[in-house]
Amino acid sequence: MGKLTADHIINIHRLILAGKDDDARILSEANLHQLVFLANGEPDPVQAASRAIFQIAAYPSFNDGNKRTAWMIAEEILGRAGYRITGDEQDLFALMQKLKEFTAEPEDIAQWILQNAEK
């Protein structure tokens, strides 16, 4: 995977929700483009992944499946740089919920990644 694109994120989201009763509608394509801009502009993969997670958690692009999509995007960004997330997905989802409630910051995501990923 090269640079992140809005179409790629939408395709991942569709795959995640395929065959489920979740609502796959896009709430904000502008949020997707902002996510792409911020993630692609960040040379550090940990920071890029944390920005992608923050954008989806704090400013949802989809009606359902935002956390699952954020998780998959972060894994791709980190995977391109040779990282593998080893931490518990539920811990990250709990942190994403705090981001959504604006009780955590993107730096908290970066710290979680550094503590729960290996190269």
N, C-alpha and C. Protein backbone atom coordinates (compact mmCIF):
# COMPACT_ATOMS: atom_id res chain seq x y z
N MET A 1 0.85 -1.18 0.00
CA MET A 1 0.00 0.00 0.00
C MET A 1 0.89 1.23 0.00
N GLY A 2 0.61 2.17 -0.90
CA GLY A 2 1.34 3.42 -0.95
C GLY A 2 0.73 4.42 0.01
N LYS A 3 0.50 5.60 -0.49
CA LYS A 3 -0.16 6.62 0.32
C LYS A 3 -1.60 6.21 0.62
N LEU A 4 -2.05 6.61 1.79
CA LEU A 4 -3.43 6.36 2.20
C LEU A 4 -4.37 7.21 1.35
N THR A 5 -5.51 6.65 0.95
CA THR A 5 -6.51 7.41 0.19
C THR A 5 -7.88 7.23 0.85
N ALA A 6 -8.77 8.17 0.58
CA ALA A 6 -10.13 8.07 1.09
C ALA A 6 -10.82 6.84 0.51
N ASP A 7 -10.60 6.56 -0.76
CA ASP A 7 -11.22 5.38 -1.37
C ASP A 7 -10.77 4.09 -0.70
N HIS A 8 -9.49 4.02 -0.33
CA HIS A 8 -8.98 2.83 0.35
C HIS A 8 -9.65 2.66 1.71
N ILE A 9 -9.80 3.75 2.44
CA ILE A 9 -10.45 3.69 3.75
C ILE A 9 -11.90 3.24 3.59
N ILE A 10 -12.58 3.77 2.60
CA ILE A 10 -13.98 3.38 2.34
C ILE A 10 -14.05 1.89 2.01
N ASN A 11 -13.12 1.40 1.21
CA ASN A 11 -13.12 -0.02 0.87
C ASN A 11 -12.86 -0.90 2.09
N ILE A 12 -11.96 -0.48 2.95
CA ILE A 12 -11.72 -1.23 4.19
C ILE A 12 -12.98 -1.24 5.04
N HIS A 13 -13.61 -0.09 5.15
CA HIS A 13 -14.85 0.01 5.93
C HIS A 13 -15.92 -0.93 5.38
N ARG A 14 -16.06 -0.97 4.06
CA ARG A 14 -17.05 -1.87 3.44
C ARG A 14 -16.73 -3.32 3.74
N LEU A 15 -15.46 -3.69 3.68
CA LEU A 15 -15.05 -5.07 3.99
C LEU A 15 -15.37 -5.42 5.44
N ILE A 16 -15.11 -4.49 6.34
CA ILE A 16 -15.35 -4.72 7.76
C ILE A 16 -16.84 -4.94 8.03
N LEU A 17 -17.69 -4.19 7.34
CA LEU A 17 -19.13 -4.27 7.59
C LEU A 17 -19.86 -5.24 6.67
N ALA A 18 -19.15 -5.86 5.73
CA ALA A 18 -19.80 -6.79 4.79
C ALA A 18 -20.52 -7.90 5.54
N GLY A 19 -21.78 -8.11 5.18
CA GLY A 19 -22.58 -9.18 5.78
C GLY A 19 -23.07 -8.89 7.18
N LYS A 20 -22.86 -7.68 7.67
CA LYS A 20 -23.34 -7.30 9.00
C LYS A 20 -24.54 -6.38 8.87
N ASP A 21 -25.27 -6.24 9.95
CA ASP A 21 -26.43 -5.35 9.94
C ASP A 21 -26.06 -3.91 10.30
N ASP A 22 -24.77 -3.63 10.44
CA ASP A 22 -24.33 -2.28 10.76
C ASP A 22 -24.65 -1.32 9.62
N ASP A 23 -24.75 -0.06 9.93
CA ASP A 23 -25.04 0.99 8.95
C ASP A 23 -23.75 1.46 8.31
N ALA A 24 -23.56 1.20 7.03
CA ALA A 24 -22.30 1.48 6.33
C ALA A 24 -22.25 2.88 5.71
N ARG A 25 -23.22 3.72 5.99
CA ARG A 25 -23.23 5.05 5.37
C ARG A 25 -22.03 5.89 5.82
N ILE A 26 -21.59 6.74 4.91
CA ILE A 26 -20.52 7.70 5.21
C ILE A 26 -21.18 8.94 5.81
N LEU A 27 -20.70 9.34 6.98
CA LEU A 27 -21.21 10.56 7.62
C LEU A 27 -20.52 11.81 7.09
N SER A 28 -19.20 11.70 6.88
CA SER A 28 -18.46 12.87 6.45
C SER A 28 -17.26 12.48 5.59
N GLU A 29 -17.39 12.70 4.31
CA GLU A 29 -16.26 12.46 3.42
C GLU A 29 -15.15 13.48 3.69
N ALA A 30 -15.53 14.66 4.16
CA ALA A 30 -14.52 15.67 4.50
C ALA A 30 -13.62 15.16 5.62
N ASN A 31 -14.18 14.47 6.61
CA ASN A 31 -13.37 13.91 7.69
C ASN A 31 -12.38 12.88 7.14
N LEU A 32 -12.83 12.09 6.14
CA LEU A 32 -11.93 11.11 5.52
C LEU A 32 -10.76 11.80 4.84
N HIS A 33 -11.04 12.86 4.12
CA HIS A 33 -9.97 13.57 3.42
C HIS A 33 -9.01 14.25 4.41
N GLN A 34 -9.53 14.73 5.52
CA GLN A 34 -8.68 15.31 6.57
C GLN A 34 -7.78 14.23 7.16
N LEU A 35 -8.33 13.06 7.42
CA LEU A 35 -7.56 11.93 7.93
C LEU A 35 -6.41 11.60 6.97
N VAL A 36 -6.73 11.49 5.68
CA VAL A 36 -5.73 11.17 4.65
C VAL A 36 -4.63 12.23 4.63
N PHE A 37 -5.02 13.48 4.66
CA PHE A 37 -4.06 14.58 4.64
C PHE A 37 -3.12 14.51 5.84
N LEU A 38 -3.67 14.33 7.03
CA LEU A 38 -2.85 14.31 8.24
C LEU A 38 -1.96 13.07 8.31
N ALA A 39 -2.50 11.90 7.99
CA ALA A 39 -1.72 10.67 8.06
C ALA A 39 -0.60 10.65 7.02
N ASN A 40 -0.91 11.07 5.80
CA ASN A 40 0.11 11.06 4.74
C ASN A 40 1.17 12.13 4.95
N GLY A 41 0.85 13.17 5.69
CA GLY A 41 1.81 14.24 5.93
C GLY A 41 2.73 13.97 7.10
N GLU A 42 2.53 12.86 7.78
CA GLU A 42 3.33 12.53 8.96
C GLU A 42 4.36 11.47 8.61
N PRO A 43 5.66 11.79 8.65
CA PRO A 43 6.67 10.81 8.26
C PRO A 43 6.86 9.67 9.27
N ASP A 44 6.56 9.90 10.53
CA ASP A 44 6.71 8.87 11.56
C ASP A 44 5.49 7.96 11.54
N PRO A 45 5.65 6.65 11.30
CA PRO A 45 4.50 5.76 11.20
C PRO A 45 3.66 5.67 12.48
N VAL A 46 4.30 5.78 13.63
CA VAL A 46 3.54 5.74 14.89
C VAL A 46 2.65 6.97 14.98
N GLN A 47 3.20 8.13 14.64
CA GLN A 47 2.40 9.36 14.66
C GLN A 47 1.31 9.32 13.60
N ALA A 48 1.63 8.79 12.41
CA ALA A 48 0.63 8.69 11.34
C ALA A 48 -0.52 7.79 11.77
N ALA A 49 -0.20 6.65 12.37
CA ALA A 49 -1.25 5.72 12.82
C ALA A 49 -2.08 6.35 13.93
N SER A 50 -1.43 7.05 14.86
CA SER A 50 -2.19 7.67 15.95
C SER A 50 -3.08 8.80 15.44
N ARG A 51 -2.62 9.54 14.45
CA ARG A 51 -3.45 10.60 13.85
C ARG A 51 -4.66 9.99 13.14
N ALA A 52 -4.43 8.89 12.44
CA ALA A 52 -5.54 8.22 11.74
C ALA A 52 -6.58 7.73 12.75
N ILE A 53 -6.12 7.12 13.81
CA ILE A 53 -7.05 6.63 14.85
C ILE A 53 -7.80 7.80 15.46
N PHE A 54 -7.07 8.86 15.80
CA PHE A 54 -7.72 10.03 16.42
C PHE A 54 -8.79 10.61 15.51
N GLN A 55 -8.47 10.78 14.24
CA GLN A 55 -9.44 11.38 13.31
C GLN A 55 -10.72 10.57 13.22
N ILE A 56 -10.60 9.26 13.17
CA ILE A 56 -11.80 8.43 13.04
C ILE A 56 -12.56 8.35 14.37
N ALA A 57 -11.82 8.28 15.48
CA ALA A 57 -12.49 8.16 16.79
C ALA A 57 -13.14 9.46 17.23
N ALA A 58 -12.42 10.57 17.06
CA ALA A 58 -12.94 11.86 17.53
C ALA A 58 -13.91 12.50 16.54
N TYR A 59 -13.69 12.25 15.26
CA TYR A 59 -14.52 12.84 14.21
C TYR A 59 -14.98 11.73 13.26
N PRO A 60 -15.95 10.94 13.69
CA PRO A 60 -16.36 9.75 12.92
C PRO A 60 -16.71 10.09 11.47
N SER A 61 -16.20 9.26 10.58
CA SER A 61 -16.49 9.40 9.16
C SER A 61 -17.67 8.55 8.73
N PHE A 62 -17.95 7.51 9.51
CA PHE A 62 -18.98 6.54 9.15
C PHE A 62 -20.04 6.46 10.24
N ASN A 63 -21.20 5.96 9.88
CA ASN A 63 -22.27 5.79 10.86
C ASN A 63 -21.92 4.68 11.86
N ASP A 64 -21.37 3.58 11.38
CA ASP A 64 -20.93 2.45 12.22
C ASP A 64 -19.56 2.00 11.76
N GLY A 65 -18.86 1.30 12.63
CA GLY A 65 -17.61 0.67 12.26
C GLY A 65 -16.38 1.57 12.28
N ASN A 66 -16.47 2.72 12.92
CA ASN A 66 -15.33 3.64 12.93
C ASN A 66 -14.13 3.06 13.66
N LYS A 67 -14.34 2.47 14.84
CA LYS A 67 -13.22 1.93 15.61
C LYS A 67 -12.56 0.77 14.87
N ARG A 68 -13.36 -0.11 14.31
CA ARG A 68 -12.80 -1.24 13.57
C ARG A 68 -12.01 -0.76 12.35
N THR A 69 -12.54 0.25 11.68
CA THR A 69 -11.84 0.82 10.52
C THR A 69 -10.55 1.49 10.97
N ALA A 70 -10.59 2.24 12.04
CA ALA A 70 -9.39 2.90 12.56
C ALA A 70 -8.32 1.87 12.91
N TRP A 71 -8.72 0.79 13.55
CA TRP A 71 -7.79 -0.27 13.93
C TRP A 71 -7.10 -0.84 12.68
N MET A 72 -7.88 -1.12 11.65
CA MET A 72 -7.34 -1.71 10.43
C MET A 72 -6.40 -0.74 9.72
N ILE A 73 -6.76 0.53 9.67
CA ILE A 73 -5.92 1.54 9.03
C ILE A 73 -4.60 1.66 9.79
N ALA A 74 -4.68 1.71 11.12
CA ALA A 74 -3.46 1.81 11.93
C ALA A 74 -2.56 0.60 11.71
N GLU A 75 -3.14 -0.58 11.66
CA GLU A 75 -2.34 -1.79 11.41
C GLU A 75 -1.64 -1.71 10.05
N GLU A 76 -2.32 -1.19 9.04
CA GLU A 76 -1.71 -1.05 7.71
C GLU A 76 -0.57 -0.04 7.72
N ILE A 77 -0.80 1.12 8.33
CA ILE A 77 0.24 2.14 8.38
C ILE A 77 1.47 1.61 9.10
N LEU A 78 1.25 0.99 10.24
CA LEU A 78 2.36 0.46 11.01
C LEU A 78 3.02 -0.72 10.31
N GLY A 79 2.21 -1.58 9.69
CA GLY A 79 2.74 -2.74 8.99
C GLY A 79 3.67 -2.36 7.85
N ARG A 80 3.35 -1.26 7.15
CA ARG A 80 4.23 -0.78 6.07
C ARG A 80 5.61 -0.44 6.59
N ALA A 81 5.68 -0.04 7.86
CA ALA A 81 6.97 0.35 8.46
C ALA A 81 7.59 -0.81 9.24
N GLY A 82 6.99 -1.99 9.16
CA GLY A 82 7.56 -3.15 9.82
C GLY A 82 7.11 -3.35 11.26
N TYR A 83 6.11 -2.61 11.70
CA TYR A 83 5.59 -2.77 13.06
C TYR A 83 4.44 -3.78 13.07
N ARG A 84 4.28 -4.42 14.23
CA ARG A 84 3.14 -5.30 14.45
C ARG A 84 2.56 -4.96 15.81
N ILE A 85 1.25 -4.73 15.85
CA ILE A 85 0.59 -4.41 17.12
C ILE A 85 0.44 -5.71 17.91
N THR A 86 0.93 -5.68 19.14
CA THR A 86 0.88 -6.86 19.99
C THR A 86 -0.10 -6.69 21.15
N GLY A 87 -0.56 -5.47 21.38
CA GLY A 87 -1.44 -5.18 22.50
C GLY A 87 -2.87 -5.64 22.25
N ASP A 88 -3.66 -5.58 23.28
CA ASP A 88 -5.06 -6.01 23.23
C ASP A 88 -5.91 -4.97 22.52
N GLU A 89 -6.63 -5.42 21.52
CA GLU A 89 -7.50 -4.55 20.73
C GLU A 89 -8.54 -3.85 21.61
N GLN A 90 -9.05 -4.53 22.63
CA GLN A 90 -10.07 -3.93 23.49
C GLN A 90 -9.52 -2.75 24.29
N ASP A 91 -8.23 -2.82 24.67
CA ASP A 91 -7.61 -1.69 25.37
C ASP A 91 -7.55 -0.47 24.45
N LEU A 92 -7.19 -0.71 23.19
CA LEU A 92 -7.15 0.39 22.22
C LEU A 92 -8.54 0.94 21.98
N PHE A 93 -9.54 0.08 21.87
CA PHE A 93 -10.92 0.54 21.66
C PHE A 93 -11.39 1.39 22.84
N ALA A 94 -10.99 1.02 24.05
CA ALA A 94 -11.35 1.82 25.23
C ALA A 94 -10.71 3.21 25.13
N LEU A 95 -9.46 3.24 24.67
CA LEU A 95 -8.79 4.52 24.48
C LEU A 95 -9.45 5.34 23.38
N MET A 96 -9.88 4.68 22.31
CA MET A 96 -10.59 5.38 21.23
C MET A 96 -11.89 5.99 21.73
N GLN A 97 -12.57 5.29 22.65
CA GLN A 97 -13.80 5.83 23.21
C GLN A 97 -13.51 7.12 23.98
N LYS A 98 -12.39 7.13 24.70
CA LYS A 98 -11.99 8.35 25.42
C LYS A 98 -11.71 9.49 24.44
N LEU A 99 -11.10 9.15 23.29
CA LEU A 99 -10.86 10.17 22.28
C LEU A 99 -12.18 10.74 21.77
N LYS A 100 -13.12 9.85 21.54
CA LYS A 100 -14.44 10.28 21.06
C LYS A 100 -15.10 11.23 22.05
N GLU A 101 -14.86 10.99 23.33
CA GLU A 101 -15.43 11.83 24.40
C GLU A 101 -14.54 13.03 24.72
N PHE A 102 -13.43 13.16 23.97
CA PHE A 102 -12.46 14.24 24.16
C PHE A 102 -11.88 14.27 25.57
N THR A 103 -11.64 13.06 26.12
CA THR A 103 -10.98 12.94 27.43
C THR A 103 -9.59 12.34 27.28
N ALA A 104 -9.13 12.20 26.03
CA ALA A 104 -7.78 11.73 25.74
C ALA A 104 -7.29 12.48 24.50
N GLU A 105 -6.01 12.43 24.29
CA GLU A 105 -5.37 13.16 23.19
C GLU A 105 -4.68 12.20 22.23
N PRO A 106 -4.35 12.66 21.02
CA PRO A 106 -3.62 11.81 20.07
C PRO A 106 -2.32 11.26 20.65
N GLU A 107 -1.69 12.03 21.52
CA GLU A 107 -0.45 11.58 22.15
C GLU A 107 -0.67 10.32 22.97
N ASP A 108 -1.87 10.16 23.54
CA ASP A 108 -2.19 8.96 24.31
C ASP A 108 -2.21 7.73 23.40
N ILE A 109 -2.70 7.91 22.18
CA ILE A 109 -2.71 6.81 21.19
C ILE A 109 -1.27 6.47 20.81
N ALA A 110 -0.45 7.47 20.54
CA ALA A 110 0.95 7.22 20.16
C ALA A 110 1.67 6.47 21.28
N GLN A 111 1.44 6.87 22.50
CA GLN A 111 2.06 6.19 23.65
C GLN A 111 1.59 4.74 23.72
N TRP A 112 0.29 4.51 23.51
CA TRP A 112 -0.24 3.15 23.54
C TRP A 112 0.43 2.31 22.45
N ILE A 113 0.55 2.87 21.25
CA ILE A 113 1.19 2.14 20.15
C ILE A 113 2.63 1.79 20.51
N LEU A 114 3.39 2.76 21.02
CA LEU A 114 4.78 2.51 21.36
C LEU A 114 4.91 1.42 22.41
N GLN A 115 3.94 1.33 23.32
CA GLN A 115 3.98 0.32 24.37
C GLN A 115 3.43 -1.03 23.90
N ASN A 116 2.70 -1.05 22.80
CA ASN A 116 2.00 -2.26 22.38
C ASN A 116 2.28 -2.68 20.93
N ALA A 117 3.43 -2.27 20.43
CA ALA A 117 3.82 -2.66 19.07
C ALA A 117 5.30 -3.02 19.09
N GLU A 118 5.66 -3.89 18.18
CA GLU A 118 7.08 -4.24 18.07
C GLU A 118 7.48 -4.23 16.61
N LYS A 119 8.74 -3.99 16.39
CA LYS A 119 9.26 -3.90 15.02
C LYS A 119 10.04 -5.17 14.71
